[in-house]
Amino acid sequence: MTTPKIAALPLLSLVLACGDPSGGSGSGATSTSSETDEPTDEPPTTGTSGEAETESGSSDSGTTSDPSGEASTGAASTGEESTVDASTGEASTGEASAGSTGEASTGDLPAPTCEPGDGGGVLVWSQSEAQLPGFMPALAGGADDSVVLAGQTGVGDDGDAFVELRDAQGATLWSDLYAGVNGLQDRAVDVAVDPAGFIHVLVAESILAVEGEQMGTYDGRLVVLRYAPDGAHVWRWEHERPPAAPWTSYSPGGKLAVDGQAIFVVEHAFDGPFEHVRLDAFGNVLGETTLAVPAWLHYNSRYDLGPDGSVVIAARVGDPDRLWVGRFDDQGASSWSLDFEDEDSHPDSVLVGEDGAAYVLGSLNENPGVLSVRKFSGDGSVAWTQPLPDASLQGIRFGGAIRPDGALLLLGGNKQSGQRMDLWAGMMAAEGALLWTFEHEFGPPHSWGDGNTAAFTSSGAVVVSGSFDGEGGKSQPWLGRLCGG
């Protein structure tokens, strides 16, 4: 097993390598500043997306509405409708969505590029706050080194789902805002791009929000939006289910993946089943399966949907108390499952691996209290367990993508003191060695932020989204592009 190696980049070397990309980013400097004295009060974390937990869902209507409240017929935000080729499920080259096309704020010099052989973890450019449409829990690499952003425009109950395509310099190519059918809160939770460049966005859409004096009724649906490469809206699909009973709540989350012409969705809500749905390129349902998980599965389950449609779930299970890990194939059938009867293993994140493999990140029994990554082979056997080297890392999770050579991304926060936590990202090799790490401080002397998700671009560069506490403690989004190494 290769020993992990940390590559720390001081500020001066970063500026020399990247041509001072900080111009106008408003996001502080990247450094390895020393710790400050620990105060007694600790600010709250910004969470995984800088937003509060809210209810979400959609309606059974086939129309959408723009932010002004006017209904549209499934066209992009320019108002132009796209036509669909019945033989391919693809849209005609209609007008792309109207949106901002400003250049990335990277200073007067052009953004440097990541050349083969360059070290990984070097910041190329960053954007934050008003330069971004909102918080981004979902990223995906697109054609020509572009990246797709998806998320929510606001925090809490105020916000609509958005999707943007940005080029390698961070400039917006097209943008679309989805305000939902009912005009309630909507948020994009995942995004995937197929080989032809069609973009698919998974939205948790609110369809009902009734407040009583002491109780309320909330209902939501998962919706898939398909966009042509130029931003034209092709179709909208909604996962139908019975309405929520009065004085109850249904707030679904989910994952999305595409494999050729097949589209996969996994839906899960508090105390509910895991539903695995398969769609074709037209949005027709090919199959739907309830995944067979153990009874007494803990509500804090972790799950991931791989690009081939397979699923990995890890959770604590009661009676008896144990850690359970299971993998399911693209039809929703069980591939393998394992039980670990110990009291110290708690999963924080999971990732679908290649050739039937799976990864679990968390506090595992071999190293209690220390974050570790464990890889399971295609037959369910443990391939290796690798502890992370820094005990100050918090909220670490997988970035949601695996490079062709098996390298994967980790991100979260590195707590420096009671009033400072830096965004932290790292790349781990296929055999478990930590290849490089990156830290970003959001403005000295005190700042609080972390990473949300990450994606590889077509050239192998890494794009990371995060959030941080801005002026007045208001949470703000952040986006950065790193050399992948």
Protein backbone atom coordinates (compact mmCIF):
# COMPACT_ATOMS: atom_id res chain seq x y z
CA MET A 1 0.00 0.00 0.00
CA THR A 2 1.39 3.36 -0.96
CA THR A 3 1.72 5.83 1.88
CA PRO A 4 -0.39 8.97 1.40
CA LYS A 5 1.60 12.11 0.63
CA ILE A 6 0.44 15.63 1.33
CA ALA A 7 1.52 18.33 -1.14
CA ALA A 8 1.23 21.74 0.54
CA LEU A 9 1.44 24.79 -1.73
CA PRO A 10 2.51 28.08 -0.13
CA LEU A 11 0.86 31.24 -1.36
CA LEU A 12 3.87 32.56 -3.29
CA SER A 13 4.33 29.42 -5.34
CA LEU A 14 0.60 29.34 -6.11
CA VAL A 15 0.67 32.89 -7.45
CA LEU A 16 3.71 32.16 -9.60
CA ALA A 17 2.15 28.96 -10.97
CA CYS A 18 -1.25 30.42 -11.75
CA GLY A 19 -0.53 34.00 -12.88
CA ASP A 20 -2.42 35.61 -9.92
CA PRO A 21 -5.94 34.36 -10.71
CA SER A 22 -7.53 36.13 -7.76
CA GLY A 23 -8.57 39.33 -9.54
CA GLY A 24 -12.12 40.14 -8.48
CA SER A 25 -12.94 36.72 -7.08
CA GLY A 26 -13.64 38.08 -3.62
CA SER A 27 -12.83 34.72 -2.11
CA GLY A 28 -9.60 35.25 -0.21
CA ALA A 29 -6.23 33.56 -0.71
CA THR A 30 -5.14 29.97 -0.71
CA SER A 31 -2.56 29.37 1.98
CA THR A 32 -1.46 27.26 4.88
CA SER A 33 -1.79 29.91 7.57
CA SER A 34 -1.04 28.95 11.17
CA GLU A 35 -3.85 28.38 13.63
CA THR A 36 -5.23 31.11 15.84
CA ASP A 37 -6.19 30.73 19.49
CA GLU A 38 -9.36 28.71 19.85
CA PRO A 39 -12.29 30.80 21.16
CA THR A 40 -15.10 29.34 23.19
CA ASP A 41 -17.90 29.97 20.69
CA GLU A 42 -17.91 28.15 17.36
CA PRO A 43 -19.94 29.33 14.35
CA PRO A 44 -22.22 26.83 12.64
CA THR A 45 -21.04 25.07 9.49
CA THR A 46 -22.39 26.11 6.14
CA GLY A 47 -23.55 22.58 5.32
CA THR A 48 -23.12 20.66 2.13
CA SER A 49 -24.71 23.27 -0.09
CA GLY A 50 -24.97 26.41 1.96
CA GLU A 51 -28.73 25.99 2.28
CA ALA A 52 -31.14 24.94 4.98
CA GLU A 53 -33.06 21.68 4.81
CA THR A 54 -36.33 22.45 3.01
CA GLU A 55 -39.26 20.63 1.51
CA SER A 56 -39.29 20.03 -2.21
CA GLY A 57 -41.28 18.40 -5.05
CA SER A 58 -43.37 19.10 -8.24
CA SER A 59 -46.85 18.92 -9.77
CA ASP A 60 -48.44 16.57 -12.24
CA SER A 61 -48.67 19.24 -14.93
CA GLY A 62 -46.56 18.99 -18.07
CA THR A 63 -45.89 22.72 -18.22
CA THR A 64 -43.23 24.77 -16.51
CA SER A 65 -43.20 28.37 -15.34
CA ASP A 66 -40.56 31.04 -15.46
CA PRO A 67 -39.64 33.32 -12.51
CA SER A 68 -42.31 35.81 -13.55
CA GLY A 69 -44.97 33.19 -12.96
CA GLU A 70 -45.93 32.82 -16.62
CA ALA A 71 -46.38 29.27 -17.82
CA SER A 72 -44.25 27.95 -20.66
CA THR A 73 -44.53 24.83 -22.74
CA GLY A 74 -41.21 23.22 -22.03
CA ALA A 75 -39.07 25.57 -24.09
CA ALA A 76 -35.82 27.08 -22.94
CA SER A 77 -35.93 30.38 -21.13
CA THR A 78 -35.80 32.34 -24.40
CA GLY A 79 -39.40 31.28 -24.95
CA GLU A 80 -38.53 29.30 -28.09
CA GLU A 81 -39.81 25.75 -28.23
CA SER A 82 -37.60 22.92 -29.38
CA THR A 83 -38.80 20.04 -31.53
CA VAL A 84 -37.90 16.46 -30.76
CA ASP A 85 -36.79 13.95 -33.35
CA ALA A 86 -39.00 10.92 -32.71
CA SER A 87 -36.28 8.56 -33.88
CA THR A 88 -33.54 9.87 -31.63
CA GLY A 89 -35.15 11.76 -28.77
CA GLU A 90 -32.92 14.73 -29.63
CA ALA A 91 -33.98 18.34 -29.96
CA SER A 92 -33.56 20.57 -32.96
CA THR A 93 -31.01 23.37 -32.74
CA GLY A 94 -33.41 25.99 -31.36
CA GLU A 95 -32.31 29.10 -29.53
CA ALA A 96 -30.35 28.51 -26.35
CA SER A 97 -31.59 29.85 -23.03
CA ALA A 98 -30.96 33.51 -22.40
CA GLY A 99 -28.47 34.11 -19.64
CA SER A 100 -25.40 36.02 -18.62
CA THR A 101 -22.25 35.53 -20.64
CA GLY A 102 -19.74 37.48 -18.54
CA GLU A 103 -16.12 36.42 -18.46
CA ALA A 104 -14.67 34.65 -15.46
CA SER A 105 -13.16 37.01 -12.92
CA THR A 106 -9.57 35.90 -13.21
CA GLY A 107 -7.69 39.20 -13.50
CA ASP A 108 -6.22 40.95 -16.54
CA LEU A 109 -4.12 37.97 -17.65
CA PRO A 110 -5.78 35.00 -19.36
CA ALA A 111 -6.39 32.03 -17.12
CA PRO A 112 -3.50 29.55 -17.20
CA THR A 113 -4.13 26.08 -18.53
CA CYS A 114 -3.22 22.76 -16.97
CA GLU A 115 -0.62 21.10 -19.15
CA PRO A 116 0.21 17.36 -19.03
CA GLY A 117 2.72 16.78 -16.25
CA ASP A 118 1.65 19.81 -14.23
CA GLY A 119 1.15 19.20 -10.52
CA GLY A 120 -2.39 18.74 -9.33
CA GLY A 121 -4.26 20.88 -6.87
CA VAL A 122 -3.14 24.24 -8.34
CA LEU A 123 -5.87 26.90 -8.53
CA VAL A 124 -6.46 28.17 -12.08
CA TRP A 125 -9.36 30.54 -11.34
CA SER A 126 -12.14 31.07 -8.82
CA GLN A 127 -15.49 32.84 -8.72
CA SER A 128 -17.78 33.64 -5.81
CA GLU A 129 -20.85 35.47 -4.54
CA ALA A 130 -22.54 37.59 -7.25
CA GLN A 131 -20.46 35.97 -10.00
CA LEU A 132 -22.46 32.76 -9.48
CA PRO A 133 -26.20 32.09 -9.82
CA GLY A 134 -26.47 30.29 -6.47
CA PHE A 135 -25.35 27.28 -4.47
CA MET A 136 -24.18 24.28 -6.47
CA PRO A 137 -24.67 20.82 -4.98
CA ALA A 138 -24.21 19.30 -8.46
CA LEU A 139 -21.47 19.58 -11.12
CA ALA A 140 -20.72 17.56 -14.25
CA GLY A 141 -18.08 17.75 -16.95
CA GLY A 142 -19.33 18.68 -20.42
CA ALA A 143 -17.93 18.83 -23.94
CA ASP A 144 -14.77 20.80 -24.78
CA ASP A 145 -13.59 21.07 -21.18
CA SER A 146 -16.80 22.79 -20.07
CA VAL A 147 -18.62 22.23 -16.79
CA VAL A 148 -22.33 22.13 -15.96
CA LEU A 149 -23.49 23.81 -12.74
CA ALA A 150 -26.82 22.95 -11.11
CA GLY A 151 -28.35 24.10 -7.86
CA GLN A 152 -30.64 26.65 -6.24
CA THR A 153 -30.67 30.43 -6.55
CA GLY A 154 -31.48 31.17 -2.89
CA VAL A 155 -31.28 29.83 0.63
CA GLY A 156 -34.11 28.11 2.45
CA ASP A 157 -37.64 28.64 1.13
CA ASP A 158 -36.57 31.32 -1.37
CA GLY A 159 -35.06 29.88 -4.50
CA ASP A 160 -35.51 28.25 -7.87
CA ALA A 161 -33.52 25.56 -9.64
CA PHE A 162 -30.90 26.66 -12.13
CA VAL A 163 -28.57 25.03 -14.65
CA GLU A 164 -25.64 26.68 -16.42
CA LEU A 165 -23.01 25.60 -18.90
CA ARG A 166 -19.64 27.34 -18.43
CA ASP A 167 -16.50 27.07 -20.53
CA ALA A 168 -12.96 26.27 -19.39
CA GLN A 169 -12.39 29.91 -18.39
CA GLY A 170 -15.60 30.05 -16.33
CA ALA A 171 -17.61 32.17 -18.79
CA THR A 172 -21.33 31.38 -19.06
CA LEU A 173 -22.31 29.77 -22.37
CA TRP A 174 -25.99 29.45 -21.51
CA SER A 175 -28.18 29.49 -18.42
CA ASP A 176 -31.72 28.44 -17.51
CA LEU A 177 -33.85 29.10 -14.44
CA TYR A 178 -36.58 26.60 -13.55
CA ALA A 179 -39.25 28.05 -11.25
CA GLY A 180 -41.39 24.93 -11.16
CA VAL A 181 -45.03 24.37 -11.97
CA ASN A 182 -46.47 25.64 -8.69
CA GLY A 183 -44.22 28.62 -8.06
CA LEU A 184 -42.88 27.13 -4.82
CA GLN A 185 -39.32 26.32 -3.83
CA ASP A 186 -37.35 24.16 -6.31
CA ARG A 187 -33.73 23.03 -6.21
CA ALA A 188 -31.53 21.03 -8.55
CA VAL A 189 -29.94 18.14 -6.68
CA ASP A 190 -27.98 16.33 -9.42
CA VAL A 191 -26.88 16.69 -13.03
CA ALA A 192 -25.55 14.31 -15.69
CA VAL A 193 -24.37 14.70 -19.28
CA ASP A 194 -24.75 11.98 -21.92
CA PRO A 195 -22.15 11.25 -24.66
CA ALA A 196 -24.06 13.40 -27.17
CA GLY A 197 -23.87 16.44 -24.86
CA PHE A 198 -27.49 16.38 -23.69
CA ILE A 199 -27.78 17.63 -20.12
CA HIS A 200 -30.13 16.09 -17.56
CA VAL A 201 -31.00 17.86 -14.32
CA LEU A 202 -32.70 16.25 -11.33
CA VAL A 203 -34.91 18.76 -9.49
CA ALA A 204 -36.62 18.40 -6.11
CA GLU A 205 -39.77 20.40 -6.81
CA SER A 206 -42.32 21.56 -4.21
CA ILE A 207 -45.96 20.98 -5.08
CA LEU A 208 -47.64 21.75 -1.74
CA ALA A 209 -46.74 23.81 1.32
CA VAL A 210 -49.54 24.44 3.81
CA GLU A 211 -48.74 26.01 7.19
CA GLY A 212 -50.95 25.49 10.23
CA GLU A 213 -50.67 26.94 13.71
CA GLN A 214 -48.67 23.98 14.94
CA MET A 215 -48.40 21.62 11.98
CA GLY A 216 -48.17 21.70 8.23
CA THR A 217 -48.48 19.58 5.11
CA TYR A 218 -45.59 19.47 2.63
CA ASP A 219 -45.31 17.48 -0.55
CA GLY A 220 -42.71 17.21 -3.28
CA ARG A 221 -41.73 15.33 -6.41
CA LEU A 222 -38.53 14.52 -8.26
CA VAL A 223 -38.42 15.94 -11.79
CA VAL A 224 -35.93 15.32 -14.61
CA LEU A 225 -35.30 18.11 -17.13
CA ARG A 226 -33.53 17.27 -20.40
CA TYR A 227 -31.65 20.03 -22.27
CA ALA A 228 -30.06 19.97 -25.71
CA PRO A 229 -26.34 20.88 -25.87
CA ASP A 230 -27.28 24.46 -26.87
CA GLY A 231 -29.57 24.87 -23.84
CA ALA A 232 -32.90 24.23 -25.56
CA HIS A 233 -35.37 22.48 -23.26
CA VAL A 234 -36.37 19.08 -24.65
CA TRP A 235 -38.70 17.53 -22.06
CA ARG A 236 -39.74 17.33 -18.42
CA TRP A 237 -40.47 14.08 -16.57
CA GLU A 238 -42.04 13.79 -13.13
CA HIS A 239 -41.94 10.77 -10.83
CA GLU A 240 -45.57 10.17 -9.94
CA ARG A 241 -46.61 9.00 -6.47
CA PRO A 242 -49.64 9.31 -4.16
CA PRO A 243 -50.05 12.71 -2.48
CA ALA A 244 -48.79 13.21 1.04
CA ALA A 245 -51.43 12.69 3.74
CA PRO A 246 -52.62 15.79 5.66
CA TRP A 247 -50.22 16.98 8.37
CA THR A 248 -47.38 14.88 7.00
CA SER A 249 -44.32 15.71 4.94
CA TYR A 250 -42.71 14.14 1.88
CA SER A 251 -39.44 15.77 0.80
CA PRO A 252 -37.57 13.54 -1.66
CA GLY A 253 -33.88 13.55 -2.45
CA GLY A 254 -32.20 11.62 -5.19
CA LYS A 255 -29.41 10.84 -7.61
CA LEU A 256 -29.22 10.93 -11.41
CA ALA A 257 -27.04 9.16 -14.00
CA VAL A 258 -26.98 8.54 -17.76
CA ASP A 259 -25.52 5.60 -19.64
CA GLY A 260 -25.82 6.05 -23.40
CA GLN A 261 -29.55 6.41 -24.10
CA ALA A 262 -30.57 5.17 -20.64
CA ILE A 263 -31.34 7.58 -17.79
CA PHE A 264 -31.38 6.41 -14.16
CA VAL A 265 -32.94 7.98 -11.08
CA VAL A 266 -32.80 6.90 -7.44
CA GLU A 267 -35.35 8.50 -5.10
CA HIS A 268 -35.30 8.37 -1.30
CA ALA A 269 -37.02 10.33 1.45
CA PHE A 270 -37.04 10.15 5.24
CA ASP A 271 -38.32 6.77 6.45
CA GLY A 272 -39.11 5.78 2.88
CA PRO A 273 -37.94 3.14 0.38
CA PHE A 274 -35.20 3.49 -2.23
CA GLU A 275 -36.85 3.65 -5.66
CA HIS A 276 -34.74 2.86 -8.74
CA VAL A 277 -36.21 4.18 -12.02
CA ARG A 278 -34.99 3.67 -15.60
CA LEU A 279 -35.98 6.06 -18.42
CA ASP A 280 -35.28 6.15 -22.14
CA ALA A 281 -34.09 9.19 -24.10
CA PHE A 282 -37.72 10.34 -24.55
CA GLY A 283 -38.51 10.30 -20.82
CA ASN A 284 -40.53 7.07 -20.95
CA VAL A 285 -40.30 4.75 -17.95
CA LEU A 286 -38.56 1.48 -18.84
CA GLY A 287 -38.69 0.00 -15.36
CA GLU A 288 -39.04 0.82 -11.68
CA THR A 289 -37.80 -1.23 -8.74
CA THR A 290 -37.83 -0.85 -4.97
CA LEU A 291 -34.35 -1.74 -3.74
CA ALA A 292 -34.28 -4.57 -1.19
CA VAL A 293 -32.56 -3.10 1.87
CA PRO A 294 -32.64 -4.47 5.43
CA ALA A 295 -35.41 -3.54 7.84
CA TRP A 296 -34.53 -0.97 10.53
CA LEU A 297 -32.25 0.92 8.18
CA HIS A 298 -31.07 4.12 9.90
CA TYR A 299 -32.59 7.31 8.50
CA ASN A 300 -29.11 8.77 7.92
CA SER A 301 -28.37 6.44 5.02
CA ARG A 302 -25.71 7.25 2.43
CA TYR A 303 -26.24 6.28 -1.21
CA ASP A 304 -24.79 6.88 -4.65
CA LEU A 305 -25.86 6.15 -8.23
CA GLY A 306 -23.09 5.22 -10.65
CA PRO A 307 -22.91 6.22 -14.31
CA ASP A 308 -23.88 2.66 -15.28
CA GLY A 309 -27.09 2.80 -13.21
CA SER A 310 -25.81 0.71 -10.30
CA VAL A 311 -26.37 1.82 -6.69
CA VAL A 312 -24.36 1.63 -3.46
CA ILE A 313 -25.98 2.14 -0.03
CA ALA A 314 -24.31 2.22 3.39
CA ALA A 315 -26.09 2.74 6.71
CA ARG A 316 -26.32 1.66 10.30
CA VAL A 317 -28.90 -1.08 10.76
CA GLY A 318 -30.65 -2.01 14.00
CA ASP A 319 -31.54 -5.35 15.57
CA PRO A 320 -28.67 -6.09 15.90
CA ASP A 321 -26.86 -2.78 15.53
CA ARG A 322 -24.34 -3.01 12.69
CA LEU A 323 -22.98 -1.34 9.54
CA TRP A 324 -24.56 -2.59 6.33
CA VAL A 325 -23.14 -1.99 2.83
CA GLY A 326 -24.88 -3.15 -0.34
CA ARG A 327 -24.54 -2.76 -4.10
CA PHE A 328 -27.32 -3.12 -6.70
CA ASP A 329 -27.06 -3.47 -10.48
CA ASP A 330 -28.61 -1.26 -13.17
CA GLN A 331 -31.89 -3.22 -12.93
CA GLY A 332 -32.11 -2.74 -9.16
CA ALA A 333 -31.17 -6.35 -8.32
CA SER A 334 -28.79 -6.99 -5.42
CA SER A 335 -25.18 -7.64 -6.48
CA TRP A 336 -23.71 -8.13 -3.02
CA SER A 337 -24.13 -6.97 0.58
CA LEU A 338 -22.06 -7.13 3.76
CA ASP A 339 -22.70 -6.74 7.50
CA PHE A 340 -20.11 -5.38 9.92
CA GLU A 341 -21.24 -6.01 13.50
CA ASP A 342 -19.37 -3.30 15.35
CA GLU A 343 -20.28 -0.12 17.19
CA ASP A 344 -17.70 2.27 15.78
CA SER A 345 -18.29 2.31 12.00
CA HIS A 346 -20.36 5.24 10.75
CA PRO A 347 -20.55 6.03 7.01
CA ASP A 348 -20.36 9.66 5.90
CA SER A 349 -20.24 9.19 2.11
CA VAL A 350 -20.30 6.41 -0.51
CA LEU A 351 -19.24 6.18 -4.15
CA VAL A 352 -20.02 3.65 -6.87
CA GLY A 353 -16.75 2.22 -8.18
CA GLU A 354 -15.73 0.52 -11.39
CA ASP A 355 -16.36 -3.18 -12.16
CA GLY A 356 -18.78 -3.73 -9.27
CA ALA A 357 -16.60 -1.99 -6.68
CA ALA A 358 -17.73 0.48 -4.02
CA TYR A 359 -16.12 3.04 -1.72
CA VAL A 360 -17.21 4.02 1.80
CA LEU A 361 -15.82 7.03 3.67
CA GLY A 362 -16.34 7.51 7.38
CA SER A 363 -15.21 6.57 10.86
CA LEU A 364 -14.51 2.86 10.48
CA ASN A 365 -13.85 0.34 13.21
CA GLU A 366 -10.22 -0.25 12.26
CA ASN A 367 -9.49 3.42 13.01
CA PRO A 368 -12.26 4.67 15.36
CA GLY A 369 -12.49 8.45 15.45
CA VAL A 370 -10.35 8.80 12.30
CA LEU A 371 -11.82 9.33 8.83
CA SER A 372 -10.90 6.51 6.46
CA VAL A 373 -11.71 5.43 2.91
CA ARG A 374 -12.50 1.74 2.37
CA LYS A 375 -12.71 0.13 -1.06
CA PHE A 376 -14.82 -2.98 -1.69
CA SER A 377 -14.01 -5.15 -4.71
CA GLY A 378 -16.60 -6.34 -7.22
CA ASP A 379 -17.35 -9.45 -5.12
CA GLY A 380 -17.89 -7.40 -1.96
CA SER A 381 -14.57 -8.24 -0.32
CA VAL A 382 -12.55 -5.47 1.33
CA ALA A 383 -9.75 -4.41 -1.03
CA TRP A 384 -8.11 -1.80 1.23
CA THR A 385 -8.76 0.74 3.99
CA GLN A 386 -6.84 4.01 3.96
CA PRO A 387 -7.05 6.54 6.85
CA LEU A 388 -6.94 10.23 5.99
CA PRO A 389 -3.86 11.89 7.48
CA ASP A 390 -5.31 15.03 9.06
CA ALA A 391 -7.52 14.77 12.15
CA SER A 392 -8.80 18.34 11.60
CA LEU A 393 -10.70 17.38 8.41
CA GLN A 394 -14.47 17.70 8.79
CA GLY A 395 -17.48 16.94 6.62
CA ILE A 396 -15.34 15.06 4.10
CA ARG A 397 -17.23 13.37 1.28
CA PHE A 398 -16.60 11.94 -2.17
CA GLY A 399 -16.64 14.35 -5.09
CA GLY A 400 -18.98 12.16 -7.12
CA ALA A 401 -16.70 11.21 -10.00
CA ILE A 402 -13.97 8.70 -10.82
CA ARG A 403 -11.29 9.37 -13.46
CA PRO A 404 -10.56 6.66 -16.06
CA ASP A 405 -7.35 5.77 -14.19
CA GLY A 406 -9.37 5.13 -11.01
CA ALA A 407 -8.47 8.37 -9.21
CA LEU A 408 -11.27 9.88 -7.14
CA LEU A 409 -11.96 13.21 -5.44
CA LEU A 410 -12.49 14.04 -1.77
CA LEU A 411 -13.63 17.38 -0.40
CA GLY A 412 -14.97 19.11 2.68
CA GLY A 413 -13.41 21.38 5.28
CA ASN A 414 -10.20 21.65 7.28
CA LYS A 415 -10.84 23.21 10.69
CA GLN A 416 -7.99 25.53 11.62
CA SER A 417 -9.54 27.09 14.74
CA GLY A 418 -12.89 27.78 16.35
CA GLN A 419 -13.50 30.64 13.93
CA ARG A 420 -11.83 29.35 10.79
CA MET A 421 -12.44 26.39 8.52
CA ASP A 422 -10.91 26.25 5.04
CA LEU A 423 -12.25 24.50 1.96
CA TRP A 424 -10.28 21.28 1.50
CA ALA A 425 -10.02 19.03 -1.56
CA GLY A 426 -7.84 16.05 -2.38
CA MET A 427 -7.28 13.45 -5.07
CA MET A 428 -6.83 9.80 -4.13
CA ALA A 429 -5.24 7.25 -6.47
CA ALA A 430 -6.86 3.94 -7.33
CA GLU A 431 -4.70 2.12 -4.76
CA GLY A 432 -5.55 4.59 -1.96
CA ALA A 433 -2.56 6.96 -1.99
CA LEU A 434 -3.39 10.65 -1.53
CA LEU A 435 -1.86 12.31 -4.62
CA TRP A 436 -2.42 15.96 -3.71
CA THR A 437 -4.46 18.24 -1.49
CA PHE A 438 -5.72 21.79 -1.88
CA GLU A 439 -6.90 24.26 0.76
CA HIS A 440 -8.62 27.60 0.29
CA GLU A 441 -8.97 30.22 3.01
CA PHE A 442 -11.96 32.52 2.56
CA GLY A 443 -10.37 35.75 3.76
CA PRO A 444 -8.12 36.03 6.84
CA PRO A 445 -8.05 36.29 9.79
CA HIS A 446 -11.33 34.42 10.31
CA SER A 447 -13.42 32.59 7.74
CA TRP A 448 -15.71 29.61 7.65
CA GLY A 449 -16.36 27.49 4.58
CA ASP A 450 -16.13 24.05 3.03
CA GLY A 451 -16.45 22.11 -0.22
CA ASN A 452 -19.73 20.78 -1.59
CA THR A 453 -18.98 18.68 -4.66
CA ALA A 454 -16.47 18.30 -7.50
CA ALA A 455 -16.23 17.01 -11.06
CA PHE A 456 -13.58 16.15 -13.64
CA THR A 457 -13.61 18.01 -16.94
CA SER A 458 -12.91 16.30 -20.28
CA SER A 459 -9.24 17.33 -20.02
CA GLY A 460 -8.85 15.95 -16.50
CA ALA A 461 -9.02 19.29 -14.68
CA VAL A 462 -11.02 19.46 -11.44
CA VAL A 463 -13.88 21.88 -10.77
CA VAL A 464 -14.92 22.31 -7.12
CA SER A 465 -17.97 24.03 -5.65
CA GLY A 466 -18.13 25.26 -2.09
CA SER A 467 -19.78 27.73 0.25
CA PHE A 468 -18.58 30.11 2.90
CA ASP A 469 -19.81 32.70 5.39
CA GLY A 470 -19.58 36.10 3.76
CA GLU A 471 -20.20 39.55 5.21
CA GLY A 472 -22.67 39.51 8.07
CA GLY A 473 -22.46 35.74 8.27
CA LYS A 474 -24.53 35.28 5.10
CA SER A 475 -23.67 32.08 3.26
CA GLN A 476 -22.16 32.59 -0.21
CA PRO A 477 -21.30 30.20 -3.10
CA TRP A 478 -17.79 29.57 -4.44
CA LEU A 479 -16.48 27.84 -7.58
CA GLY A 480 -12.89 27.03 -8.49
CA ARG A 481 -11.00 25.19 -11.21
CA LEU A 482 -7.86 23.22 -10.30
CA CYS A 483 -5.23 21.41 -12.31
CA GLY A 484 -5.97 17.71 -12.00
CA GLY A 485 -2.39 16.43 -12.13
